[in-house]
Amino acid sequence: DPPRGVIEREAQGVPTGLLKEAARQLVVRLIPEPTVADIARRIDE
């Protein structure tokens, strides 16, 4: 478990897929970042 985060687990420590707080970043950091054009469009919308 990272500091300020929790990886929910089953028996033998197998992750259930539920990631809490800072543990989310273990996976979320891999999602491709939006482009500058995407962000500008979202700000306008």
PDB file of all heavy atoms in Angstrom:
ATOM      1  N   ASP A   1       0.852  -1.191   0.000  1.00  0.00           N
ATOM      2  CA  ASP A   1       0.000   0.000   0.000  1.00  0.00           C
ATOM      3  C   ASP A   1       0.885   1.237   0.000  1.00  0.00           C
ATOM      4  O   ASP A   1       1.832   1.333   0.795  1.00  0.00           O
ATOM      5  CB  ASP A   1      -0.885   0.034   1.246  1.00  0.00           C
ATOM      6  CG  ASP A   1      -2.014  -0.984   1.194  1.00  0.00           C
ATOM      7  OD1 ASP A   1      -2.197  -1.612   0.140  1.00  0.00           O
ATOM      8  OD2 ASP A   1      -2.705  -1.142   2.221  1.00  0.00           O
ATOM      9  N   PRO A   2       0.609   2.206  -0.862  1.00  0.00           N
ATOM     10  CA  PRO A   2       1.404   3.437  -0.847  1.00  0.00           C
ATOM     11  C   PRO A   2       1.016   4.298   0.350  1.00  0.00           C
ATOM     12  O   PRO A   2      -0.052   4.096   0.948  1.00  0.00           O
ATOM     13  CB  PRO A   2       1.020   4.114  -2.161  1.00  0.00           C
ATOM     14  CG  PRO A   2      -0.382   3.647  -2.410  1.00  0.00           C
ATOM     15  CD  PRO A   2      -0.446   2.240  -1.889  1.00  0.00           C
ATOM     16  N   PRO A   3       1.836   5.276   0.721  1.00  0.00           N
ATOM     17  CA  PRO A   3       1.429   6.203   1.784  1.00  0.00           C
ATOM     18  C   PRO A   3       0.112   6.883   1.422  1.00  0.00           C
ATOM     19  O   PRO A   3      -0.097   7.281   0.279  1.00  0.00           O
ATOM     20  CB  PRO A   3       2.585   7.227   1.827  1.00  0.00           C
ATOM     21  CG  PRO A   3       3.765   6.501   1.243  1.00  0.00           C
ATOM     22  CD  PRO A   3       3.194   5.566   0.218  1.00  0.00           C
ATOM     23  N   ARG A   4      -0.790   6.968   2.402  1.00  0.00           N
ATOM     24  CA  ARG A   4      -2.092   7.606   2.225  1.00  0.00           C
ATOM     25  C   ARG A   4      -2.942   6.924   1.156  1.00  0.00           C
ATOM     26  O   ARG A   4      -3.742   7.565   0.472  1.00  0.00           O
ATOM     27  CB  ARG A   4      -1.932   9.101   1.913  1.00  0.00           C
ATOM     28  CG  ARG A   4      -1.241   9.878   3.027  1.00  0.00           C
ATOM     29  CD  ARG A   4      -1.058  11.342   2.687  1.00  0.00           C
ATOM     30  NE  ARG A   4      -0.109  11.533   1.602  1.00  0.00           N
ATOM     31  CZ  ARG A   4       1.219  11.501   1.737  1.00  0.00           C
ATOM     32  NH1 ARG A   4       1.750  11.277   2.933  1.00  0.00           N
ATOM     33  NH2 ARG A   4       2.014  11.700   0.711  1.00  0.00           N
ATOM     34  N   GLY A   5      -2.755   5.601   1.005  1.00  0.00           N
ATOM     35  CA  GLY A   5      -3.543   4.856   0.037  1.00  0.00           C
ATOM     36  C   GLY A   5      -3.760   3.427   0.473  1.00  0.00           C
ATOM     37  O   GLY A   5      -3.033   2.900   1.324  1.00  0.00           O
ATOM     38  N   VAL A   6      -4.779   2.769  -0.104  1.00  0.00           N
ATOM     39  CA  VAL A   6      -5.118   1.383   0.245  1.00  0.00           C
ATOM     40  C   VAL A   6      -5.417   0.589  -1.018  1.00  0.00           C
ATOM     41  O   VAL A   6      -6.200   1.041  -1.870  1.00  0.00           O
ATOM     42  CB  VAL A   6      -6.347   1.326   1.184  1.00  0.00           C
ATOM     43  CG1 VAL A   6      -6.754  -0.116   1.466  1.00  0.00           C
ATOM     44  CG2 VAL A   6      -6.075   2.073   2.480  1.00  0.00           C
ATOM     45  N   ILE A   7      -4.794  -0.580  -1.159  1.00  0.00           N
ATOM     46  CA  ILE A   7      -5.137  -1.550  -2.198  1.00  0.00           C
ATOM     47  C   ILE A   7      -6.005  -2.607  -1.540  1.00  0.00           C
ATOM     48  O   ILE A   7      -5.538  -3.357  -0.680  1.00  0.00           O
ATOM     49  CB  ILE A   7      -3.879  -2.207  -2.795  1.00  0.00           C
ATOM     50  CG1 ILE A   7      -2.941  -1.144  -3.374  1.00  0.00           C
ATOM     51  CG2 ILE A   7      -4.258  -3.233  -3.861  1.00  0.00           C
ATOM     52  CD1 ILE A   7      -1.568  -1.703  -3.778  1.00  0.00           C
ATOM     53  N   GLU A   8      -7.286  -2.653  -1.898  1.00  0.00           N
ATOM     54  CA  GLU A   8      -8.160  -3.674  -1.316  1.00  0.00           C
ATOM     55  C   GLU A   8      -7.764  -5.045  -1.856  1.00  0.00           C
ATOM     56  O   GLU A   8      -7.465  -5.195  -3.052  1.00  0.00           O
ATOM     57  CB  GLU A   8      -9.622  -3.379  -1.645  1.00  0.00           C
ATOM     58  CG  GLU A   8     -10.201  -2.200  -0.882  1.00  0.00           C
ATOM     59  CD  GLU A   8     -10.344  -2.485   0.607  1.00  0.00           C
ATOM     60  OE1 GLU A   8     -10.541  -3.651   0.979  1.00  0.00           O
ATOM     61  OE2 GLU A   8     -10.248  -1.520   1.407  1.00  0.00           O
ATOM     62  N   ARG A   9      -7.777  -6.056  -0.981  1.00  0.00           N
ATOM     63  CA  ARG A   9      -7.269  -7.369  -1.353  1.00  0.00           C
ATOM     64  C   ARG A   9      -8.201  -8.492  -0.915  1.00  0.00           C
ATOM     65  O   ARG A   9      -8.966  -8.340   0.048  1.00  0.00           O
ATOM     66  CB  ARG A   9      -5.887  -7.593  -0.712  1.00  0.00           C
ATOM     67  CG  ARG A   9      -4.875  -6.477  -1.015  1.00  0.00           C
ATOM     68  CD  ARG A   9      -3.627  -6.623  -0.160  1.00  0.00           C
ATOM     69  NE  ARG A   9      -2.780  -5.442  -0.229  1.00  0.00           N
ATOM     70  CZ  ARG A   9      -1.801  -5.248  -1.110  1.00  0.00           C
ATOM     71  NH1 ARG A   9      -1.540  -6.179  -2.011  1.00  0.00           N
ATOM     72  NH2 ARG A   9      -1.082  -4.138  -1.091  1.00  0.00           N
ATOM     73  N   GLU A  10      -8.067  -9.621  -1.616  1.00  0.00           N
ATOM     74  CA  GLU A  10      -8.740 -10.857  -1.229  1.00  0.00           C
ATOM     75  C   GLU A  10      -7.734 -11.713  -0.455  1.00  0.00           C
ATOM     76  O   GLU A  10      -6.686 -11.220  -0.018  1.00  0.00           O
ATOM     77  CB  GLU A  10      -9.219 -11.597  -2.482  1.00  0.00           C
ATOM     78  CG  GLU A  10     -10.263 -10.816  -3.275  1.00  0.00           C
ATOM     79  CD  GLU A  10     -10.682 -11.533  -4.536  1.00  0.00           C
ATOM     80  OE1 GLU A  10      -9.794 -11.988  -5.294  1.00  0.00           O
ATOM     81  OE2 GLU A  10     -11.884 -11.637  -4.754  1.00  0.00           O
ATOM     82  N   ALA A  11      -8.062 -12.986  -0.306  1.00  0.00           N
ATOM     83  CA  ALA A  11      -7.136 -13.912   0.342  1.00  0.00           C
ATOM     84  C   ALA A  11      -5.816 -13.937  -0.414  1.00  0.00           C
ATOM     85  O   ALA A  11      -5.766 -13.750  -1.629  1.00  0.00           O
ATOM     86  CB  ALA A  11      -7.758 -15.311   0.393  1.00  0.00           C
ATOM     87  N   GLN A  12      -4.739 -14.172   0.303  1.00  0.00           N
ATOM     88  CA  GLN A  12      -3.392 -14.187  -0.256  1.00  0.00           C
ATOM     89  C   GLN A  12      -2.972 -12.843  -0.862  1.00  0.00           C
ATOM     90  O   GLN A  12      -2.033 -12.769  -1.654  1.00  0.00           O
ATOM     91  CB  GLN A  12      -3.213 -15.286  -1.329  1.00  0.00           C
ATOM     92  CG  GLN A  12      -3.211 -16.712  -0.774  1.00  0.00           C
ATOM     93  CD  GLN A  12      -4.603 -17.214  -0.470  1.00  0.00           C
ATOM     94  OE1 GLN A  12      -5.499 -17.102  -1.306  1.00  0.00           O
ATOM     95  NE2 GLN A  12      -4.805 -17.751   0.719  1.00  0.00           N
ATOM     96  N   GLY A  13      -3.704 -11.796  -0.497  1.00  0.00           N
ATOM     97  CA  GLY A  13      -3.297 -10.462  -0.905  1.00  0.00           C
ATOM     98  C   GLY A  13      -3.614 -10.080  -2.331  1.00  0.00           C
ATOM     99  O   GLY A  13      -3.166  -9.030  -2.817  1.00  0.00           O
ATOM    100  N   VAL A  14      -4.376 -10.888  -3.051  1.00  0.00           N
ATOM    101  CA  VAL A  14      -4.695 -10.606  -4.452  1.00  0.00           C
ATOM    102  C   VAL A  14      -5.576  -9.360  -4.534  1.00  0.00           C
ATOM    103  O   VAL A  14      -6.620  -9.290  -3.878  1.00  0.00           O
ATOM    104  CB  VAL A  14      -5.406 -11.807  -5.102  1.00  0.00           C
ATOM    105  CG1 VAL A  14      -5.822 -11.459  -6.525  1.00  0.00           C
ATOM    106  CG2 VAL A  14      -4.508 -13.033  -5.075  1.00  0.00           C
ATOM    107  N   PRO A  15      -5.204  -8.351  -5.332  1.00  0.00           N
ATOM    108  CA  PRO A  15      -6.007  -7.126  -5.425  1.00  0.00           C
ATOM    109  C   PRO A  15      -7.398  -7.391  -6.002  1.00  0.00           C
ATOM    110  O   PRO A  15      -7.548  -8.118  -6.991  1.00  0.00           O
ATOM    111  CB  PRO A  15      -5.195  -6.231  -6.358  1.00  0.00           C
ATOM    112  CG  PRO A  15      -3.790  -6.755  -6.276  1.00  0.00           C
ATOM    113  CD  PRO A  15      -3.934  -8.230  -6.083  1.00  0.00           C
ATOM    114  N   THR A  16      -8.389  -6.797  -5.374  1.00  0.00           N
ATOM    115  CA  THR A  16      -9.771  -6.908  -5.887  1.00  0.00           C
ATOM    116  C   THR A  16     -10.019  -5.960  -7.046  1.00  0.00           C
ATOM    117  O   THR A  16     -11.051  -6.046  -7.711  1.00  0.00           O
ATOM    118  CB  THR A  16     -10.784  -6.568  -4.783  1.00  0.00           C
ATOM    119  OG1 THR A  16     -10.656  -5.175  -4.445  1.00  0.00           O
ATOM    120  CG2 THR A  16     -10.563  -7.421  -3.542  1.00  0.00           C
ATOM    121  N   GLY A  17      -9.089  -5.031  -7.242  1.00  0.00           N
ATOM    122  CA  GLY A  17      -9.265  -3.992  -8.247  1.00  0.00           C
ATOM    123  C   GLY A  17      -9.667  -2.663  -7.652  1.00  0.00           C
ATOM    124  O   GLY A  17      -9.618  -1.630  -8.331  1.00  0.00           O
ATOM    125  N   LEU A  18     -10.096  -2.657  -6.378  1.00  0.00           N
ATOM    126  CA  LEU A  18     -10.512  -1.420  -5.724  1.00  0.00           C
ATOM    127  C   LEU A  18      -9.287  -0.734  -5.125  1.00  0.00           C
ATOM    128  O   LEU A  18      -8.593  -1.292  -4.265  1.00  0.00           O
ATOM    129  CB  LEU A  18     -11.545  -1.703  -4.638  1.00  0.00           C
ATOM    130  CG  LEU A  18     -12.113  -0.482  -3.909  1.00  0.00           C
ATOM    131  CD1 LEU A  18     -12.804   0.462  -4.901  1.00  0.00           C
ATOM    132  CD2 LEU A  18     -13.078  -0.897  -2.806  1.00  0.00           C
ATOM    133  N   LEU A  19      -9.039   0.489  -5.571  1.00  0.00           N
ATOM    134  CA  LEU A  19      -7.888   1.277  -5.135  1.00  0.00           C
ATOM    135  C   LEU A  19      -8.389   2.553  -4.479  1.00  0.00           C
ATOM    136  O   LEU A  19      -9.153   3.307  -5.089  1.00  0.00           O
ATOM    137  CB  LEU A  19      -6.989   1.618  -6.328  1.00  0.00           C
ATOM    138  CG  LEU A  19      -6.577   0.437  -7.207  1.00  0.00           C
ATOM    139  CD1 LEU A  19      -5.900   0.922  -8.485  1.00  0.00           C
ATOM    140  CD2 LEU A  19      -5.654  -0.504  -6.427  1.00  0.00           C
ATOM    141  N   LYS A  20      -7.965   2.795  -3.243  1.00  0.00           N
ATOM    142  CA  LYS A  20      -8.468   3.937  -2.493  1.00  0.00           C
ATOM    143  C   LYS A  20      -7.399   5.013  -2.326  1.00  0.00           C
ATOM    144  O   LYS A  20      -6.224   4.720  -2.092  1.00  0.00           O
ATOM    145  CB  LYS A  20      -8.969   3.493  -1.113  1.00  0.00           C
ATOM    146  CG  LYS A  20     -10.139   2.523  -1.155  1.00  0.00           C
ATOM    147  CD  LYS A  20     -10.620   2.187   0.250  1.00  0.00           C
ATOM    148  CE  LYS A  20     -11.840   1.264   0.223  1.00  0.00           C
ATOM    149  NZ  LYS A  20     -12.361   0.982   1.587  1.00  0.00           N
ATOM    150  N   GLU A  21      -7.834   6.263  -2.444  1.00  0.00           N
ATOM    151  CA  GLU A  21      -6.999   7.440  -2.221  1.00  0.00           C
ATOM    152  C   GLU A  21      -5.713   7.379  -3.055  1.00  0.00           C
ATOM    153  O   GLU A  21      -5.783   7.192  -4.252  1.00  0.00           O
ATOM    154  CB  GLU A  21      -6.722   7.613  -0.719  1.00  0.00           C
ATOM    155  CG  GLU A  21      -7.983   7.627   0.139  1.00  0.00           C
ATOM    156  CD  GLU A  21      -8.979   8.733  -0.216  1.00  0.00           C
ATOM    157  OE1 GLU A  21      -8.608   9.704  -0.882  1.00  0.00           O
ATOM    158  OE2 GLU A  21     -10.164   8.597   0.154  1.00  0.00           O
ATOM    159  N   ALA A  22      -4.529   7.505  -2.431  1.00  0.00           N
ATOM    160  CA  ALA A  22      -3.281   7.581  -3.202  1.00  0.00           C
ATOM    161  C   ALA A  22      -3.000   6.324  -4.011  1.00  0.00           C
ATOM    162  O   ALA A  22      -2.252   6.376  -5.004  1.00  0.00           O
ATOM    163  CB  ALA A  22      -2.110   7.860  -2.257  1.00  0.00           C
ATOM    164  N   ALA A  23      -3.593   5.189  -3.626  1.00  0.00           N
ATOM    165  CA  ALA A  23      -3.384   3.949  -4.395  1.00  0.00           C
ATOM    166  C   ALA A  23      -3.965   4.065  -5.802  1.00  0.00           C
ATOM    167  O   ALA A  23      -3.531   3.350  -6.719  1.00  0.00           O
ATOM    168  CB  ALA A  23      -4.013   2.767  -3.657  1.00  0.00           C
ATOM    169  N   ARG A  24      -4.908   4.953  -6.010  1.00  0.00           N
ATOM    170  CA  ARG A  24      -5.472   5.157  -7.349  1.00  0.00           C
ATOM    171  C   ARG A  24      -4.379   5.529  -8.360  1.00  0.00           C
ATOM    172  O   ARG A  24      -4.445   5.145  -9.527  1.00  0.00           O
ATOM    173  CB  ARG A  24      -6.522   6.278  -7.329  1.00  0.00           C
ATOM    174  CG  ARG A  24      -7.735   6.021  -6.493  1.00  0.00           C
ATOM    175  CD  ARG A  24      -8.690   7.227  -6.516  1.00  0.00           C
ATOM    176  NE  ARG A  24      -9.024   7.587  -7.889  1.00  0.00           N
ATOM    177  CZ  ARG A  24      -8.669   8.744  -8.471  1.00  0.00           C
ATOM    178  NH1 ARG A  24      -7.971   9.642  -7.813  1.00  0.00           N
ATOM    179  NH2 ARG A  24      -9.019   8.984  -9.719  1.00  0.00           N
ATOM    180  N   GLN A  25      -3.396   6.308  -7.905  1.00  0.00           N
ATOM    181  CA  GLN A  25      -2.376   6.811  -8.823  1.00  0.00           C
ATOM    182  C   GLN A  25      -1.507   5.701  -9.404  1.00  0.00           C
ATOM    183  O   GLN A  25      -0.864   5.898 -10.438  1.00  0.00           O
ATOM    184  CB  GLN A  25      -1.497   7.842  -8.114  1.00  0.00           C
ATOM    185  CG  GLN A  25      -2.244   9.113  -7.724  1.00  0.00           C
ATOM    186  CD  GLN A  25      -2.919   9.770  -8.922  1.00  0.00           C
ATOM    187  OE1 GLN A  25      -2.333   9.878  -9.997  1.00  0.00           O
ATOM    188  NE2 GLN A  25      -4.157  10.206  -8.733  1.00  0.00           N
ATOM    189  N   LEU A  26      -1.489   4.538  -8.768  1.00  0.00           N
ATOM    190  CA  LEU A  26      -0.720   3.409  -9.310  1.00  0.00           C
ATOM    191  C   LEU A  26      -1.187   3.067 -10.721  1.00  0.00           C
ATOM    192  O   LEU A  26      -0.393   2.646 -11.577  1.00  0.00           O
ATOM    193  CB  LEU A  26      -0.869   2.192  -8.396  1.00  0.00           C
ATOM    194  CG  LEU A  26      -0.309   2.324  -6.966  1.00  0.00           C
ATOM    195  CD1 LEU A  26      -0.710   1.115  -6.134  1.00  0.00           C
ATOM    196  CD2 LEU A  26       1.199   2.497  -7.000  1.00  0.00           C
ATOM    197  N   VAL A  27      -2.477   3.263 -10.980  1.00  0.00           N
ATOM    198  CA  VAL A  27      -3.051   2.935 -12.287  1.00  0.00           C
ATOM    199  C   VAL A  27      -3.428   4.193 -13.069  1.00  0.00           C
ATOM    200  O   VAL A  27      -3.156   4.302 -14.266  1.00  0.00           O
ATOM    201  CB  VAL A  27      -4.290   2.035 -12.117  1.00  0.00           C
ATOM    202  CG1 VAL A  27      -4.978   1.800 -13.453  1.00  0.00           C
ATOM    203  CG2 VAL A  27      -3.897   0.697 -11.487  1.00  0.00           C
ATOM    204  N   VAL A  28      -4.029   5.162 -12.397  1.00  0.00           N
ATOM    205  CA  VAL A  28      -4.530   6.365 -13.078  1.00  0.00           C
ATOM    206  C   VAL A  28      -3.408   7.100 -13.810  1.00  0.00           C
ATOM    207  O   VAL A  28      -3.625   7.696 -14.874  1.00  0.00           O
ATOM    208  CB  VAL A  28      -5.233   7.293 -12.060  1.00  0.00           C
ATOM    209  CG1 VAL A  28      -5.553   8.645 -12.669  1.00  0.00           C
ATOM    210  CG2 VAL A  28      -6.512   6.632 -11.547  1.00  0.00           C
ATOM    211  N   ARG A  29      -2.191   7.033 -13.267  1.00  0.00           N
ATOM    212  CA  ARG A  29      -1.068   7.734 -13.906  1.00  0.00           C
ATOM    213  C   ARG A  29      -0.772   7.226 -15.312  1.00  0.00           C
ATOM    214  O   ARG A  29      -0.116   7.919 -16.099  1.00  0.00           O
ATOM    215  CB  ARG A  29       0.189   7.577 -13.036  1.00  0.00           C
ATOM    216  CG  ARG A  29       0.650   6.129 -12.889  1.00  0.00           C
ATOM    217  CD  ARG A  29       1.829   5.970 -11.942  1.00  0.00           C
ATOM    218  NE  ARG A  29       2.147   4.557 -11.712  1.00  0.00           N
ATOM    219  CZ  ARG A  29       2.862   3.813 -12.524  1.00  0.00           C
ATOM    220  NH1 ARG A  29       3.372   4.345 -13.633  1.00  0.00           N
ATOM    221  NH2 ARG A  29       3.094   2.538 -12.265  1.00  0.00           N
ATOM    222  N   LEU A  30      -1.262   6.033 -15.644  1.00  0.00           N
ATOM    223  CA  LEU A  30      -0.996   5.454 -16.964  1.00  0.00           C
ATOM    224  C   LEU A  30      -2.000   5.905 -18.023  1.00  0.00           C
ATOM    225  O   LEU A  30      -1.767   5.702 -19.215  1.00  0.00           O
ATOM    226  CB  LEU A  30      -1.010   3.928 -16.873  1.00  0.00           C
ATOM    227  CG  LEU A  30       0.020   3.292 -15.931  1.00  0.00           C
ATOM    228  CD1 LEU A  30      -0.141   1.773 -15.928  1.00  0.00           C
ATOM    229  CD2 LEU A  30       1.438   3.677 -16.331  1.00  0.00           C
ATOM    230  N   ILE A  31      -3.109   6.490 -17.605  1.00  0.00           N
ATOM    231  CA  ILE A  31      -4.114   6.947 -18.582  1.00  0.00           C
ATOM    232  C   ILE A  31      -3.525   8.111 -19.374  1.00  0.00           C
ATOM    233  O   ILE A  31      -2.984   9.054 -18.792  1.00  0.00           O
ATOM    234  CB  ILE A  31      -5.400   7.387 -17.871  1.00  0.00           C
ATOM    235  CG1 ILE A  31      -6.004   6.208 -17.089  1.00  0.00           C
ATOM    236  CG2 ILE A  31      -6.419   7.934 -18.867  1.00  0.00           C
ATOM    237  CD1 ILE A  31      -7.173   6.587 -16.211  1.00  0.00           C
ATOM    238  N   PRO A  32      -3.572   8.057 -20.695  1.00  0.00           N
ATOM    239  CA  PRO A  32      -2.988   9.132 -21.505  1.00  0.00           C
ATOM    240  C   PRO A  32      -3.555  10.500 -21.139  1.00  0.00           C
ATOM    241  O   PRO A  32      -4.752  10.654 -20.920  1.00  0.00           O
ATOM    242  CB  PRO A  32      -3.371   8.734 -22.941  1.00  0.00           C
ATOM    243  CG  PRO A  32      -3.562   7.254 -22.880  1.00  0.00           C
ATOM    244  CD  PRO A  32      -4.122   6.970 -21.525  1.00  0.00           C
ATOM    245  N   GLU A  33      -2.647  11.494 -21.071  1.00  0.00           N
ATOM    246  CA  GLU A  33      -3.056  12.855 -20.734  1.00  0.00           C
ATOM    247  C   GLU A  33      -3.818  13.491 -21.901  1.00  0.00           C
ATOM    248  O   GLU A  33      -3.515  13.228 -23.056  1.00  0.00           O
ATOM    249  CB  GLU A  33      -1.828  13.712 -20.410  1.00  0.00           C
ATOM    250  CG  GLU A  33      -1.133  13.345 -19.106  1.00  0.00           C
ATOM    251  CD  GLU A  33      -1.927  13.774 -17.892  1.00  0.00           C
ATOM    252  OE1 GLU A  33      -2.744  14.725 -18.005  1.00  0.00           O
ATOM    253  OE2 GLU A  33      -1.750  13.158 -16.825  1.00  0.00           O
ATOM    254  N   PRO A  34      -4.786  14.335 -21.598  1.00  0.00           N
ATOM    255  CA  PRO A  34      -5.478  15.056 -22.685  1.00  0.00           C
ATOM    256  C   PRO A  34      -4.534  16.064 -23.334  1.00  0.00           C
ATOM    257  O   PRO A  34      -3.577  16.540 -22.701  1.00  0.00           O
ATOM    258  CB  PRO A  34      -6.630  15.757 -21.969  1.00  0.00           C
ATOM    259  CG  PRO A  34      -6.157  15.904 -20.551  1.00  0.00           C
ATOM    260  CD  PRO A  34      -5.310  14.693 -20.274  1.00  0.00           C
ATOM    261  N   THR A  35      -4.790  16.407 -24.567  1.00  0.00           N
ATOM    262  CA  THR A  35      -3.979  17.402 -25.260  1.00  0.00           C
ATOM    263  C   THR A  35      -4.372  18.803 -24.796  1.00  0.00           C
ATOM    264  O   THR A  35      -5.417  18.989 -24.158  1.00  0.00           O
ATOM    265  CB  THR A  35      -4.181  17.305 -26.777  1.00  0.00           C
ATOM    266  OG1 THR A  35      -5.540  17.675 -27.078  1.00  0.00           O
ATOM    267  CG2 THR A  35      -3.920  15.895 -27.283  1.00  0.00           C
ATOM    268  N   VAL A  36      -3.528  19.769 -25.130  1.00  0.00           N
ATOM    269  CA  VAL A  36      -3.836  21.160 -24.797  1.00  0.00           C
ATOM    270  C   VAL A  36      -5.149  21.583 -25.453  1.00  0.00           C
ATOM    271  O   VAL A  36      -5.971  22.275 -24.851  1.00  0.00           O
ATOM    272  CB  VAL A  36      -2.677  22.080 -25.225  1.00  0.00           C
ATOM    273  CG1 VAL A  36      -3.079  23.552 -25.096  1.00  0.00           C
ATOM    274  CG2 VAL A  36      -1.437  21.793 -24.384  1.00  0.00           C
ATOM    275  N   ALA A  37      -5.348  21.138 -26.694  1.00  0.00           N
ATOM    276  CA  ALA A  37      -6.600  21.461 -27.397  1.00  0.00           C
ATOM    277  C   ALA A  37      -7.793  20.847 -26.681  1.00  0.00           C
ATOM    278  O   ALA A  37      -8.864  21.479 -26.575  1.00  0.00           O
ATOM    279  CB  ALA A  37      -6.533  20.968 -28.839  1.00  0.00           C
ATOM    280  N   ASP A  38      -7.634  19.620 -26.170  1.00  0.00           N
ATOM    281  CA  ASP A  38      -8.717  18.970 -25.421  1.00  0.00           C
ATOM    282  C   ASP A  38      -9.069  19.785 -24.168  1.00  0.00           C
ATOM    283  O   ASP A  38     -10.248  20.005 -23.858  1.00  0.00           O
ATOM    284  CB  ASP A  38      -8.311  17.557 -24.996  1.00  0.00           C
ATOM    285  CG  ASP A  38      -8.235  16.591 -26.169  1.00  0.00           C
ATOM    286  OD1 ASP A  38      -8.903  16.847 -27.189  1.00  0.00           O
ATOM    287  OD2 ASP A  38      -7.497  15.592 -26.053  1.00  0.00           O
ATOM    288  N   ILE A  39      -8.031  20.220 -23.453  1.00  0.00           N
ATOM    289  CA  ILE A  39      -8.249  20.969 -22.212  1.00  0.00           C
ATOM    290  C   ILE A  39      -8.930  22.303 -22.509  1.00  0.00           C
ATOM    291  O   ILE A  39      -9.867  22.708 -21.812  1.00  0.00           O
ATOM    292  CB  ILE A  39      -6.920  21.186 -21.471  1.00  0.00           C
ATOM    293  CG1 ILE A  39      -6.342  19.839 -21.019  1.00  0.00           C
ATOM    294  CG2 ILE A  39      -7.117  22.098 -20.270  1.00  0.00           C
ATOM    295  CD1 ILE A  39      -4.945  19.936 -20.431  1.00  0.00           C
ATOM    296  N   ALA A  40      -8.465  22.984 -23.553  1.00  0.00           N
ATOM    297  CA  ALA A  40      -9.071  24.272 -23.913  1.00  0.00           C
ATOM    298  C   ALA A  40     -10.543  24.094 -24.252  1.00  0.00           C
ATOM    299  O   ALA A  40     -11.388  24.917 -23.866  1.00  0.00           O
ATOM    300  CB  ALA A  40      -8.319  24.886 -25.091  1.00  0.00           C
ATOM    301  N   ARG A  41     -10.857  23.020 -24.957  1.00  0.00           N
ATOM    302  CA  ARG A  41     -12.251  22.746 -25.307  1.00  0.00           C
ATOM    303  C   ARG A  41     -13.082  22.470 -24.057  1.00  0.00           C
ATOM    304  O   ARG A  41     -14.213  22.955 -23.927  1.00  0.00           O
ATOM    305  CB  ARG A  41     -12.319  21.566 -26.278  1.00  0.00           C
ATOM    306  CG  ARG A  41     -13.739  21.271 -26.762  1.00  0.00           C
ATOM    307  CD  ARG A  41     -13.751  20.262 -27.900  1.00  0.00           C
ATOM    308  NE  ARG A  41     -13.132  19.001 -27.529  1.00  0.00           N
ATOM    309  CZ  ARG A  41     -11.928  18.594 -27.956  1.00  0.00           C
ATOM    310  NH1 ARG A  41     -11.235  19.352 -28.790  1.00  0.00           N
ATOM    311  NH2 ARG A  41     -11.426  17.439 -27.577  1.00  0.00           N
ATOM    312  N   ARG A  42     -12.503  21.723 -23.104  1.00  0.00           N
ATOM    313  CA  ARG A  42     -13.240  21.421 -21.879  1.00  0.00           C
ATOM    314  C   ARG A  42     -13.475  22.679 -21.040  1.00  0.00           C
ATOM    315  O   ARG A  42     -14.549  22.849 -20.439  1.00  0.00           O
ATOM    316  CB  ARG A  42     -12.498  20.371 -21.041  1.00  0.00           C
ATOM    317  CG  ARG A  42     -12.423  18.980 -21.653  1.00  0.00           C
ATOM    318  CD  ARG A  42     -13.793  18.441 -22.055  1.00  0.00           C
ATOM    319  NE  ARG A  42     -14.656  18.197 -20.925  1.00  0.00           N
ATOM    320  CZ  ARG A  42     -14.732  17.032 -20.265  1.00  0.00           C
ATOM    321  NH1 ARG A  42     -13.977  16.011 -20.643  1.00  0.00           N
ATOM    322  NH2 ARG A  42     -15.546  16.883 -19.252  1.00  0.00           N
ATOM    323  N   ILE A  43     -12.480  23.561 -20.984  1.00  0.00           N
ATOM    324  CA  ILE A  43     -12.658  24.818 -20.249  1.00  0.00           C
ATOM    325  C   ILE A  43     -13.814  25.608 -20.843  1.00  0.00           C
ATOM    326  O   ILE A  43     -14.678  26.119 -20.124  1.00  0.00           O
ATOM    327  CB  ILE A  43     -11.362  25.642 -20.247  1.00  0.00           C
ATOM    328  CG1 ILE A  43     -10.305  24.961 -19.357  1.00  0.00           C
ATOM    329  CG2 ILE A  43     -11.625  27.069 -19.761  1.00  0.00           C
ATOM    330  CD1 ILE A  43      -8.935  25.623 -19.414  1.00  0.00           C
ATOM    331  N   ASP A  44     -13.851  25.680 -22.162  1.00  0.00           N
ATOM    332  CA  ASP A  44     -14.930  26.410 -22.820  1.00  0.00           C
ATOM    333  C   ASP A  44     -16.285  25.748 -22.551  1.00  0.00           C
ATOM    334  O   ASP A  44     -17.261  26.415 -22.189  1.00  0.00           O
ATOM    335  CB  ASP A  44     -14.673  26.481 -24.328  1.00  0.00           C
ATOM    336  CG  ASP A  44     -15.756  27.274 -25.054  1.00  0.00           C
ATOM    337  OD1 ASP A  44     -15.878  28.484 -24.813  1.00  0.00           O
ATOM    338  OD2 ASP A  44     -16.493  26.667 -25.858  1.00  0.00           O
ATOM    339  N   GLU A  45     -16.352  24.421 -22.688  1.00  0.00           N
ATOM    340  CA  GLU A  45     -17.609  23.708 -22.475  1.00  0.00           C
ATOM    341  C   GLU A  45     -18.097  23.843 -21.037  1.00  0.00           C
ATOM    342  O   GLU A  45     -19.283  24.099 -20.790  1.00  0.00           O
ATOM    343  CB  GLU A  45     -17.423  22.222 -22.821  1.00  0.00           C
ATOM    344  CG  GLU A  45     -17.213  21.942 -24.300  1.00  0.00           C
ATOM    345  CD  GLU A  45     -16.831  20.485 -24.557  1.00  0.00           C
ATOM    346  OE1 GLU A  45     -16.616  19.749 -23.564  1.00  0.00           O
ATOM    347  OE2 GLU A  45     -16.750  20.086 -25.732  1.00  0.00           O
TER     348      GLU A  45
END
